[in-house]
Amino acid sequence: MWRSRPPIDRSPPLRHHRLMTVDELAEYLGKKPAWIYNNHRALGIPSRKVGGSLRFRLSEVDHWIDRECPVSA
């Protein structure tokens, strides 16, 4: 009997789309949470407020890093 396979999920991993807290972003970037609070606007780190708390989408932060900190040759 022929069984169809489920479609292949080609979307990026869900982890990349989740929202990170200031503490999680600070750990990811190797900075202190206070540095994130004090510099996210001036540096243009993409963020949003969710229920009054600052949140960051990992995919957007990675894109920001690629754009703002190009790899030198």
Protein backbone atom coordinates (compact mmCIF):
# COMPACT_ATOMS: atom_id res chain seq x y z
CA MET A 1 0.00 0.00 0.00
CA TRP A 2 1.35 3.42 -0.99
CA ARG A 3 1.73 5.92 1.82
CA SER A 4 2.50 9.50 1.12
CA ARG A 5 5.29 11.10 3.05
CA PRO A 6 4.66 14.22 5.08
CA PRO A 7 6.00 17.34 3.37
CA ILE A 8 9.56 18.30 4.20
CA ASP A 9 9.68 21.27 6.53
CA ARG A 10 12.16 23.70 4.97
CA SER A 11 11.45 26.54 7.39
CA PRO A 12 14.25 27.72 9.67
CA PRO A 13 14.33 26.10 13.10
CA LEU A 14 11.76 27.48 15.51
CA ARG A 15 14.54 28.41 17.91
CA HIS A 16 15.65 31.10 15.48
CA HIS A 17 12.21 32.75 15.59
CA ARG A 18 11.61 32.77 19.32
CA LEU A 19 11.84 35.95 21.35
CA MET A 20 14.75 36.31 23.76
CA THR A 21 14.81 38.26 27.00
CA VAL A 22 17.42 40.91 27.77
CA ASP A 23 19.30 38.38 29.92
CA GLU A 24 19.31 35.79 27.13
CA LEU A 25 20.50 38.33 24.56
CA ALA A 26 23.21 39.57 26.92
CA GLU A 27 24.49 36.01 27.31
CA TYR A 28 24.29 35.43 23.54
CA LEU A 29 26.32 38.60 22.84
CA GLY A 30 28.69 38.19 25.78
CA LYS A 31 27.55 41.46 27.36
CA LYS A 32 25.91 42.45 30.63
CA PRO A 33 22.12 43.04 30.67
CA ALA A 34 22.73 46.69 31.62
CA TRP A 35 24.75 47.12 28.42
CA ILE A 36 21.78 45.85 26.38
CA TYR A 37 19.36 48.24 28.12
CA ASN A 38 21.72 51.20 27.73
CA ASN A 39 22.74 50.61 24.11
CA HIS A 40 20.04 48.74 22.17
CA ARG A 41 18.43 51.91 20.76
CA ALA A 42 21.63 53.76 19.90
CA LEU A 43 23.11 50.69 18.20
CA GLY A 44 19.88 49.82 16.39
CA ILE A 45 19.56 46.33 17.84
CA PRO A 46 16.12 45.20 16.63
CA SER A 47 13.74 44.85 19.55
CA ARG A 48 10.09 45.02 20.55
CA LYS A 49 8.12 45.48 23.73
CA VAL A 50 5.97 42.56 24.79
CA GLY A 51 3.83 43.19 27.84
CA GLY A 52 6.13 46.06 28.77
CA SER A 53 9.27 43.89 28.57
CA LEU A 54 12.00 44.24 25.98
CA ARG A 55 12.33 41.22 23.66
CA PHE A 56 14.64 40.33 20.77
CA ARG A 57 14.12 37.87 17.90
CA LEU A 58 17.28 35.82 17.38
CA SER A 59 16.98 35.84 13.58
CA GLU A 60 16.74 39.65 13.56
CA VAL A 61 19.69 40.01 15.94
CA ASP A 62 21.80 37.68 13.77
CA HIS A 63 20.87 39.72 10.69
CA TRP A 64 21.80 42.93 12.55
CA ILE A 65 25.17 41.43 13.51
CA ASP A 66 25.86 40.41 9.90
CA ARG A 67 24.95 43.90 8.69
CA GLU A 68 26.73 45.92 11.38
CA CYS A 69 29.79 43.73 11.95
CA PRO A 70 30.95 42.44 8.57
CA VAL A 71 33.69 39.84 8.55
CA SER A 72 36.99 41.40 7.55
CA ALA A 73 39.29 39.70 5.08
